[in-house]
Amino acid sequence: MANLTLEDGRIITVDLTKISLREYRALFDKNQKPEEEDKVLCRVFDMTLEEYQTLPYPTWRKLTELFFEQARSPLADPNSPSESISA
């Protein structure tokens, strides 16, 4: 799990265990409504829909980038000494 500290000091944790494989795949479905996507990500970030939809745009981008970074390597342990830290 990874964290992001918001401007107001709240720490948001990306918790991929909050969604199913089906929900993750649906994020790439062009027919899914944006509000449904938002609801899925709200669970991952442990936020209300209102909190999520009123995030400043740059903060939203940081959160979604963090989500997709985590989704690409869901089993990676950021505290593991063998885990690469290069960009």
PDB file of N, CA and C in Angstrom:
ATOM      1  N   MET A   1       0.843  -1.181   0.000  1.00  0.00           N
ATOM      2  CA  MET A   1       0.000   0.000   0.000  1.00  0.00           C
ATOM      3  C   MET A   1       0.886   1.241   0.000  1.00  0.00           C
ATOM      4  N   ALA A   2       0.407   2.267  -0.661  1.00  0.00           N
ATOM      5  CA  ALA A   2       1.144   3.520  -0.750  1.00  0.00           C
ATOM      6  C   ALA A   2       0.286   4.645  -0.189  1.00  0.00           C
ATOM      7  N   ASN A   3       0.947   5.707   0.225  1.00  0.00           N
ATOM      8  CA  ASN A   3       0.245   6.835   0.827  1.00  0.00           C
ATOM      9  C   ASN A   3       0.516   8.125   0.073  1.00  0.00           C
ATOM     10  N   LEU A   4      -0.445   9.043   0.208  1.00  0.00           N
ATOM     11  CA  LEU A   4      -0.269  10.401  -0.296  1.00  0.00           C
ATOM     12  C   LEU A   4      -0.835  11.336   0.759  1.00  0.00           C
ATOM     13  N   THR A   5      -0.071  12.359   1.133  1.00  0.00           N
ATOM     14  CA  THR A   5      -0.550  13.343   2.094  1.00  0.00           C
ATOM     15  C   THR A   5      -1.187  14.495   1.335  1.00  0.00           C
ATOM     16  N   LEU A   6      -2.446  14.754   1.655  1.00  0.00           N
ATOM     17  CA  LEU A   6      -3.174  15.847   1.008  1.00  0.00           C
ATOM     18  C   LEU A   6      -2.763  17.186   1.603  1.00  0.00           C
ATOM     19  N   GLU A   7      -3.154  18.250   0.932  1.00  0.00           N
ATOM     20  CA  GLU A   7      -2.824  19.603   1.360  1.00  0.00           C
ATOM     21  C   GLU A   7      -3.342  19.906   2.761  1.00  0.00           C
ATOM     22  N   ASP A   8      -4.457  19.274   3.148  1.00  0.00           N
ATOM     23  CA  ASP A   8      -5.030  19.520   4.478  1.00  0.00           C
ATOM     24  C   ASP A   8      -4.424  18.622   5.557  1.00  0.00           C
ATOM     25  N   GLY A   9      -3.412  17.829   5.178  1.00  0.00           N
ATOM     26  CA  GLY A   9      -2.729  16.990   6.138  1.00  0.00           C
ATOM     27  C   GLY A   9      -3.243  15.558   6.231  1.00  0.00           C
ATOM     28  N   ARG A  10      -4.382  15.274   5.609  1.00  0.00           N
ATOM     29  CA  ARG A  10      -4.904  13.907   5.636  1.00  0.00           C
ATOM     30  C   ARG A  10      -3.980  12.999   4.838  1.00  0.00           C
ATOM     31  N   ILE A  11      -3.816  11.797   5.351  1.00  0.00           N
ATOM     32  CA  ILE A  11      -3.002  10.802   4.657  1.00  0.00           C
ATOM     33  C   ILE A  11      -3.952   9.808   3.994  1.00  0.00           C
ATOM     34  N   ILE A  12      -3.851   9.710   2.680  1.00  0.00           N
ATOM     35  CA  ILE A  12      -4.691   8.803   1.904  1.00  0.00           C
ATOM     36  C   ILE A  12      -3.849   7.576   1.562  1.00  0.00           C
ATOM     37  N   THR A  13      -4.382   6.414   1.882  1.00  0.00           N
ATOM     38  CA  THR A  13      -3.713   5.153   1.587  1.00  0.00           C
ATOM     39  C   THR A  13      -4.396   4.480   0.411  1.00  0.00           C
ATOM     40  N   VAL A  14      -3.625   4.040  -0.551  1.00  0.00           N
ATOM     41  CA  VAL A  14      -4.147   3.292  -1.696  1.00  0.00           C
ATOM     42  C   VAL A  14      -4.252   1.832  -1.266  1.00  0.00           C
ATOM     43  N   ASP A  15      -5.479   1.349  -1.120  1.00  0.00           N
ATOM     44  CA  ASP A  15      -5.711  -0.021  -0.655  1.00  0.00           C
ATOM     45  C   ASP A  15      -6.434  -0.810  -1.749  1.00  0.00           C
ATOM     46  N   LEU A  16      -5.658  -1.531  -2.539  1.00  0.00           N
ATOM     47  CA  LEU A  16      -6.218  -2.283  -3.658  1.00  0.00           C
ATOM     48  C   LEU A  16      -7.092  -3.449  -3.212  1.00  0.00           C
ATOM     49  N   THR A  17      -7.014  -3.834  -1.952  1.00  0.00           N
ATOM     50  CA  THR A  17      -7.860  -4.927  -1.470  1.00  0.00           C
ATOM     51  C   THR A  17      -9.318  -4.518  -1.355  1.00  0.00           C
ATOM     52  N   LYS A  18      -9.598  -3.256  -1.543  1.00  0.00           N
ATOM     53  CA  LYS A  18     -10.970  -2.748  -1.440  1.00  0.00           C
ATOM     54  C   LYS A  18     -11.787  -2.948  -2.716  1.00  0.00           C
ATOM     55  N   ILE A  19     -11.136  -3.401  -3.799  1.00  0.00           N
ATOM     56  CA  ILE A  19     -11.863  -3.606  -5.056  1.00  0.00           C
ATOM     57  C   ILE A  19     -11.593  -5.009  -5.597  1.00  0.00           C
ATOM     58  N   SER A  20     -12.525  -5.452  -6.415  1.00  0.00           N
ATOM     59  CA  SER A  20     -12.394  -6.772  -7.032  1.00  0.00           C
ATOM     60  C   SER A  20     -11.719  -6.653  -8.401  1.00  0.00           C
ATOM     61  N   LEU A  21     -11.344  -7.787  -8.928  1.00  0.00           N
ATOM     62  CA  LEU A  21     -10.784  -7.829 -10.283  1.00  0.00           C
ATOM     63  C   LEU A  21     -11.796  -7.285 -11.282  1.00  0.00           C
ATOM     64  N   ARG A  22     -13.049  -7.658 -11.130  1.00  0.00           N
ATOM     65  CA  ARG A  22     -14.101  -7.182 -12.034  1.00  0.00           C
ATOM     66  C   ARG A  22     -14.184  -5.649 -12.006  1.00  0.00           C
ATOM     67  N   GLU A  23     -14.136  -5.073 -10.817  1.00  0.00           N
ATOM     68  CA  GLU A  23     -14.211  -3.611 -10.712  1.00  0.00           C
ATOM     69  C   GLU A  23     -12.982  -2.953 -11.328  1.00  0.00           C
ATOM     70  N   TYR A  24     -11.820  -3.553 -11.116  1.00  0.00           N
ATOM     71  CA  TYR A  24     -10.607  -2.998 -11.712  1.00  0.00           C
ATOM     72  C   TYR A  24     -10.711  -3.010 -13.238  1.00  0.00           C
ATOM     73  N   ARG A  25     -11.116  -4.137 -13.799  1.00  0.00           N
ATOM     74  CA  ARG A  25     -11.253  -4.232 -15.258  1.00  0.00           C
ATOM     75  C   ARG A  25     -12.284  -3.241 -15.793  1.00  0.00           C
ATOM     76  N   ALA A  26     -13.339  -3.018 -15.030  1.00  0.00           N
ATOM     77  CA  ALA A  26     -14.396  -2.098 -15.468  1.00  0.00           C
ATOM     78  C   ALA A  26     -13.884  -0.657 -15.583  1.00  0.00           C
ATOM     79  N   LEU A  27     -12.810  -0.327 -14.883  1.00  0.00           N
ATOM     80  CA  LEU A  27     -12.244   1.021 -14.991  1.00  0.00           C
ATOM     81  C   LEU A  27     -11.801   1.337 -16.411  1.00  0.00           C
ATOM     82  N   PHE A  28     -11.540   0.290 -17.205  1.00  0.00           N
ATOM     83  CA  PHE A  28     -11.084   0.474 -18.586  1.00  0.00           C
ATOM     84  C   PHE A  28     -12.218   0.325 -19.604  1.00  0.00           C
ATOM     85  N   ASP A  29     -13.421   0.132 -19.114  1.00  0.00           N
ATOM     86  CA  ASP A  29     -14.597  -0.022 -19.969  1.00  0.00           C
ATOM     87  C   ASP A  29     -15.115   1.363 -20.347  1.00  0.00           C
ATOM     88  N   LYS A  30     -15.078   1.684 -21.622  1.00  0.00           N
ATOM     89  CA  LYS A  30     -15.506   3.006 -22.086  1.00  0.00           C
ATOM     90  C   LYS A  30     -16.984   3.269 -21.833  1.00  0.00           C
ATOM     91  N   ASN A  31     -17.753   2.208 -21.603  1.00  0.00           N
ATOM     92  CA  ASN A  31     -19.184   2.378 -21.356  1.00  0.00           C
ATOM     93  C   ASN A  31     -19.521   2.626 -19.884  1.00  0.00           C
ATOM     94  N   GLN A  32     -18.537   2.456 -19.014  1.00  0.00           N
ATOM     95  CA  GLN A  32     -18.804   2.710 -17.600  1.00  0.00           C
ATOM     96  C   GLN A  32     -18.898   4.210 -17.357  1.00  0.00           C
ATOM     97  N   LYS A  33     -19.867   4.605 -16.571  1.00  0.00           N
ATOM     98  CA  LYS A  33     -20.070   6.025 -16.275  1.00  0.00           C
ATOM     99  C   LYS A  33     -18.981   6.521 -15.321  1.00  0.00           C
ATOM    100  N   PRO A  34     -18.549   7.778 -15.503  1.00  0.00           N
ATOM    101  CA  PRO A  34     -17.510   8.338 -14.630  1.00  0.00           C
ATOM    102  C   PRO A  34     -17.856   8.235 -13.150  1.00  0.00           C
ATOM    103  N   GLU A  35     -19.102   8.416 -12.800  1.00  0.00           N
ATOM    104  CA  GLU A  35     -19.475   8.349 -11.380  1.00  0.00           C
ATOM    105  C   GLU A  35     -19.251   6.943 -10.818  1.00  0.00           C
ATOM    106  N   GLU A  36     -19.455   5.919 -11.641  1.00  0.00           N
ATOM    107  CA  GLU A  36     -19.190   4.549 -11.184  1.00  0.00           C
ATOM    108  C   GLU A  36     -17.694   4.344 -10.965  1.00  0.00           C
ATOM    109  N   GLU A  37     -16.887   4.880 -11.871  1.00  0.00           N
ATOM    110  CA  GLU A  37     -15.437   4.815 -11.688  1.00  0.00           C
ATOM    111  C   GLU A  37     -15.037   5.532 -10.405  1.00  0.00           C
ATOM    112  N   ASP A  38     -15.627   6.700 -10.180  1.00  0.00           N
ATOM    113  CA  ASP A  38     -15.330   7.469  -8.976  1.00  0.00           C
ATOM    114  C   ASP A  38     -15.662   6.673  -7.721  1.00  0.00           C
ATOM    115  N   LYS A  39     -16.779   5.978  -7.726  1.00  0.00           N
ATOM    116  CA  LYS A  39     -17.179   5.190  -6.551  1.00  0.00           C
ATOM    117  C   LYS A  39     -16.167   4.091  -6.248  1.00  0.00           C
ATOM    118  N   VAL A  40     -15.653   3.470  -7.282  1.00  0.00           N
ATOM    119  CA  VAL A  40     -14.644   2.419  -7.089  1.00  0.00           C
ATOM    120  C   VAL A  40     -13.382   3.024  -6.477  1.00  0.00           C
ATOM    121  N   LEU A  41     -12.911   4.120  -7.029  1.00  0.00           N
ATOM    122  CA  LEU A  41     -11.699   4.739  -6.521  1.00  0.00           C
ATOM    123  C   LEU A  41     -11.897   5.308  -5.122  1.00  0.00           C
ATOM    124  N   CYS A  42     -13.093   5.744  -4.817  1.00  0.00           N
ATOM    125  CA  CYS A  42     -13.383   6.224  -3.462  1.00  0.00           C
ATOM    126  C   CYS A  42     -13.128   5.132  -2.435  1.00  0.00           C
ATOM    127  N   ARG A  43     -13.504   3.924  -2.769  1.00  0.00           N
ATOM    128  CA  ARG A  43     -13.264   2.810  -1.833  1.00  0.00           C
ATOM    129  C   ARG A  43     -11.772   2.557  -1.670  1.00  0.00           C
ATOM    130  N   VAL A  44     -11.036   2.599  -2.772  1.00  0.00           N
ATOM    131  CA  VAL A  44      -9.588   2.379  -2.729  1.00  0.00           C
ATOM    132  C   VAL A  44      -8.915   3.430  -1.846  1.00  0.00           C
ATOM    133  N   PHE A  45      -9.390   4.658  -1.915  1.00  0.00           N
ATOM    134  CA  PHE A  45      -8.797   5.770  -1.168  1.00  0.00           C
ATOM    135  C   PHE A  45      -9.472   6.019   0.180  1.00  0.00           C
ATOM    136  N   ASP A  46     -10.534   5.267   0.477  1.00  0.00           N
ATOM    137  CA  ASP A  46     -11.305   5.454   1.711  1.00  0.00           C
ATOM    138  C   ASP A  46     -11.777   6.903   1.848  1.00  0.00           C
ATOM    139  N   MET A  47     -12.431   7.369   0.783  1.00  0.00           N
ATOM    140  CA  MET A  47     -12.968   8.728   0.743  1.00  0.00           C
ATOM    141  C   MET A  47     -14.443   8.656   0.393  1.00  0.00           C
ATOM    142  N   THR A  48     -15.170   9.712   0.731  1.00  0.00           N
ATOM    143  CA  THR A  48     -16.547   9.813   0.266  1.00  0.00           C
ATOM    144  C   THR A  48     -16.522  10.296  -1.182  1.00  0.00           C
ATOM    145  N   LEU A  49     -17.621  10.094  -1.870  1.00  0.00           N
ATOM    146  CA  LEU A  49     -17.721  10.565  -3.248  1.00  0.00           C
ATOM    147  C   LEU A  49     -17.552  12.085  -3.300  1.00  0.00           C
ATOM    148  N   GLU A  50     -18.145  12.779  -2.352  1.00  0.00           N
ATOM    149  CA  GLU A  50     -18.041  14.245  -2.298  1.00  0.00           C
ATOM    150  C   GLU A  50     -16.580  14.670  -2.111  1.00  0.00           C
ATOM    151  N   GLU A  51     -15.863  14.022  -1.194  1.00  0.00           N
ATOM    152  CA  GLU A  51     -14.451  14.359  -0.971  1.00  0.00           C
ATOM    153  C   GLU A  51     -13.636  14.143  -2.245  1.00  0.00           C
ATOM    154  N   TYR A  52     -13.881  13.013  -2.872  1.00  0.00           N
ATOM    155  CA  TYR A  52     -13.125  12.663  -4.077  1.00  0.00           C
ATOM    156  C   TYR A  52     -13.399  13.634  -5.219  1.00  0.00           C
ATOM    157  N   GLN A  53     -14.667  13.929  -5.459  1.00  0.00           N
ATOM    158  CA  GLN A  53     -15.028  14.773  -6.601  1.00  0.00           C
ATOM    159  C   GLN A  53     -14.697  16.245  -6.390  1.00  0.00           C
ATOM    160  N   THR A  54     -14.374  16.646  -5.182  1.00  0.00           N
ATOM    161  CA  THR A  54     -14.017  18.047  -4.939  1.00  0.00           C
ATOM    162  C   THR A  54     -12.507  18.233  -4.716  1.00  0.00           C
ATOM    163  N   LEU A  55     -11.735  17.173  -4.962  1.00  0.00           N
ATOM    164  CA  LEU A  55     -10.282  17.314  -4.877  1.00  0.00           C
ATOM    165  C   LEU A  55      -9.795  18.313  -5.916  1.00  0.00           C
ATOM    166  N   PRO A  56      -8.759  19.086  -5.587  1.00  0.00           N
ATOM    167  CA  PRO A  56      -8.151  19.914  -6.627  1.00  0.00           C
ATOM    168  C   PRO A  56      -7.610  19.001  -7.733  1.00  0.00           C
ATOM    169  N   TYR A  57      -7.686  19.458  -8.954  1.00  0.00           N
ATOM    170  CA  TYR A  57      -7.280  18.628 -10.089  1.00  0.00           C
ATOM    171  C   TYR A  57      -5.873  18.049  -9.939  1.00  0.00           C
ATOM    172  N   PRO A  58      -4.862  18.854  -9.559  1.00  0.00           N
ATOM    173  CA  PRO A  58      -3.510  18.271  -9.426  1.00  0.00           C
ATOM    174  C   PRO A  58      -3.455  17.169  -8.360  1.00  0.00           C
ATOM    175  N   THR A  59      -4.200  17.304  -7.299  1.00  0.00           N
ATOM    176  CA  THR A  59      -4.239  16.281  -6.254  1.00  0.00           C
ATOM    177  C   THR A  59      -4.898  15.022  -6.788  1.00  0.00           C
ATOM    178  N   TRP A  60      -5.975  15.194  -7.536  1.00  0.00           N
ATOM    179  CA  TRP A  60      -6.650  14.043  -8.152  1.00  0.00           C
ATOM    180  C   TRP A  60      -5.681  13.296  -9.061  1.00  0.00           C
ATOM    181  N   ARG A  61      -4.898  14.039  -9.844  1.00  0.00           N
ATOM    182  CA  ARG A  61      -3.920  13.408 -10.739  1.00  0.00           C
ATOM    183  C   ARG A  61      -2.881  12.615  -9.946  1.00  0.00           C
ATOM    184  N   LYS A  62      -2.392  13.174  -8.860  1.00  0.00           N
ATOM    185  CA  LYS A  62      -1.417  12.474  -8.030  1.00  0.00           C
ATOM    186  C   LYS A  62      -2.011  11.175  -7.488  1.00  0.00           C
ATOM    187  N   LEU A  63      -3.249  11.248  -7.001  1.00  0.00           N
ATOM    188  CA  LEU A  63      -3.901  10.055  -6.460  1.00  0.00           C
ATOM    189  C   LEU A  63      -4.111   8.988  -7.522  1.00  0.00           C
ATOM    190  N   THR A  64      -4.597   9.389  -8.683  1.00  0.00           N
ATOM    191  CA  THR A  64      -4.849   8.390  -9.717  1.00  0.00           C
ATOM    192  C   THR A  64      -3.536   7.805 -10.248  1.00  0.00           C
ATOM    193  N   GLU A  65      -2.490   8.625 -10.349  1.00  0.00           N
ATOM    194  CA  GLU A  65      -1.190   8.095 -10.754  1.00  0.00           C
ATOM    195  C   GLU A  65      -0.687   7.078  -9.738  1.00  0.00           C
ATOM    196  N   LEU A  66      -0.846   7.389  -8.465  1.00  0.00           N
ATOM    197  CA  LEU A  66      -0.434   6.477  -7.409  1.00  0.00           C
ATOM    198  C   LEU A  66      -1.232   5.178  -7.473  1.00  0.00           C
ATOM    199  N   PHE A  67      -2.531   5.301  -7.736  1.00  0.00           N
ATOM    200  CA  PHE A  67      -3.379   4.121  -7.865  1.00  0.00           C
ATOM    201  C   PHE A  67      -2.867   3.217  -8.985  1.00  0.00           C
ATOM    202  N   PHE A  68      -2.614   3.775 -10.163  1.00  0.00           N
ATOM    203  CA  PHE A  68      -2.191   2.949 -11.297  1.00  0.00           C
ATOM    204  C   PHE A  68      -0.767   2.420 -11.112  1.00  0.00           C
ATOM    205  N   GLU A  69       0.095   3.159 -10.421  1.00  0.00           N
ATOM    206  CA  GLU A  69       1.420   2.625 -10.088  1.00  0.00           C
ATOM    207  C   GLU A  69       1.268   1.384  -9.217  1.00  0.00           C
ATOM    208  N   GLN A  70       0.414   1.478  -8.213  1.00  0.00           N
ATOM    209  CA  GLN A  70       0.175   0.351  -7.320  1.00  0.00           C
ATOM    210  C   GLN A  70      -0.489  -0.807  -8.063  1.00  0.00           C
ATOM    211  N   ALA A  71      -1.417  -0.502  -8.955  1.00  0.00           N
ATOM    212  CA  ALA A  71      -2.137  -1.533  -9.695  1.00  0.00           C
ATOM    213  C   ALA A  71      -1.204  -2.310 -10.625  1.00  0.00           C
ATOM    214  N   ARG A  72      -0.174  -1.647 -11.152  1.00  0.00           N
ATOM    215  CA  ARG A  72       0.783  -2.323 -12.032  1.00  0.00           C
ATOM    216  C   ARG A  72       1.626  -3.354 -11.272  1.00  0.00           C
ATOM    217  N   SER A  73       1.857  -3.113  -9.995  1.00  0.00           N
ATOM    218  CA  SER A  73       2.678  -4.017  -9.177  1.00  0.00           C
ATOM    219  C   SER A  73       2.015  -4.228  -7.819  1.00  0.00           C
ATOM    220  N   PRO A  74       0.869  -4.876  -7.802  1.00  0.00           N
ATOM    221  CA  PRO A  74       0.110  -4.975  -6.547  1.00  0.00           C
ATOM    222  C   PRO A  74       0.785  -5.808  -5.467  1.00  0.00           C
ATOM    223  N   LEU A  75       1.753  -6.640  -5.838  1.00  0.00           N
ATOM    224  CA  LEU A  75       2.415  -7.486  -4.851  1.00  0.00           C
ATOM    225  C   LEU A  75       3.747  -6.911  -4.379  1.00  0.00           C
ATOM    226  N   ALA A  76       4.158  -5.798  -4.959  1.00  0.00           N
ATOM    227  CA  ALA A  76       5.429  -5.184  -4.578  1.00  0.00           C
ATOM    228  C   ALA A  76       5.341  -4.649  -3.159  1.00  0.00           C
ATOM    229  N   ASP A  77       6.402  -4.861  -2.403  1.00  0.00           N
ATOM    230  CA  ASP A  77       6.486  -4.352  -1.041  1.00  0.00           C
ATOM    231  C   ASP A  77       7.440  -3.172  -1.059  1.00  0.00           C
ATOM    232  N   PRO A  78       6.932  -1.960  -0.852  1.00  0.00           N
ATOM    233  CA  PRO A  78       7.821  -0.788  -0.916  1.00  0.00           C
ATOM    234  C   PRO A  78       8.886  -0.804   0.169  1.00  0.00           C
ATOM    235  N   ASN A  79       8.729  -1.635   1.201  1.00  0.00           N
ATOM    236  CA  ASN A  79       9.707  -1.706   2.284  1.00  0.00           C
ATOM    237  C   ASN A  79      10.717  -2.824   2.059  1.00  0.00           C
ATOM    238  N   SER A  80      10.584  -3.561   0.979  1.00  0.00           N
ATOM    239  CA  SER A  80      11.484  -4.667   0.691  1.00  0.00           C
ATOM    240  C   SER A  80      12.811  -4.140   0.157  1.00  0.00           C
ATOM    241  N   PRO A  81      13.941  -4.604   0.718  1.00  0.00           N
ATOM    242  CA  PRO A  81      15.235  -4.133   0.229  1.00  0.00           C
ATOM    243  C   PRO A  81      15.523  -4.573  -1.208  1.00  0.00           C
ATOM    244  N   SER A  82      14.857  -5.613  -1.674  1.00  0.00           N
ATOM    245  CA  SER A  82      15.085  -6.090  -3.039  1.00  0.00           C
ATOM    246  C   SER A  82      14.243  -5.349  -4.066  1.00  0.00           C
ATOM    247  N   GLU A  83      13.295  -4.559  -3.616  1.00  0.00           N
ATOM    248  CA  GLU A  83      12.426  -3.816  -4.520  1.00  0.00           C
ATOM    249  C   GLU A  83      13.184  -2.644  -5.116  1.00  0.00           C
ATOM    250  N   SER A  84      13.133  -2.490  -6.420  1.00  0.00           N
ATOM    251  CA  SER A  84      13.808  -1.392  -7.111  1.00  0.00           C
ATOM    252  C   SER A  84      13.159  -0.075  -6.746  1.00  0.00           C
ATOM    253  N   ILE A  85      13.973   0.962  -6.548  1.00  0.00           N
ATOM    254  CA  ILE A  85      13.434   2.290  -6.256  1.00  0.00           C
ATOM    255  C   ILE A  85      13.730   3.267  -7.380  1.00  0.00           C
ATOM    256  N   SER A  86      14.314   2.798  -8.470  1.00  0.00           N
ATOM    257  CA  SER A  86      14.618   3.679  -9.589  1.00  0.00           C
ATOM    258  C   SER A  86      13.370   3.969 -10.401  1.00  0.00           C
ATOM    259  N   ALA A  87      13.379   5.114 -11.035  1.00  0.00           N
ATOM    260  CA  ALA A  87      12.218   5.534 -11.809  1.00  0.00           C
ATOM    261  C   ALA A  87      12.324   5.086 -13.238  1.00  0.00           C
TER     262      ALA A  87
END
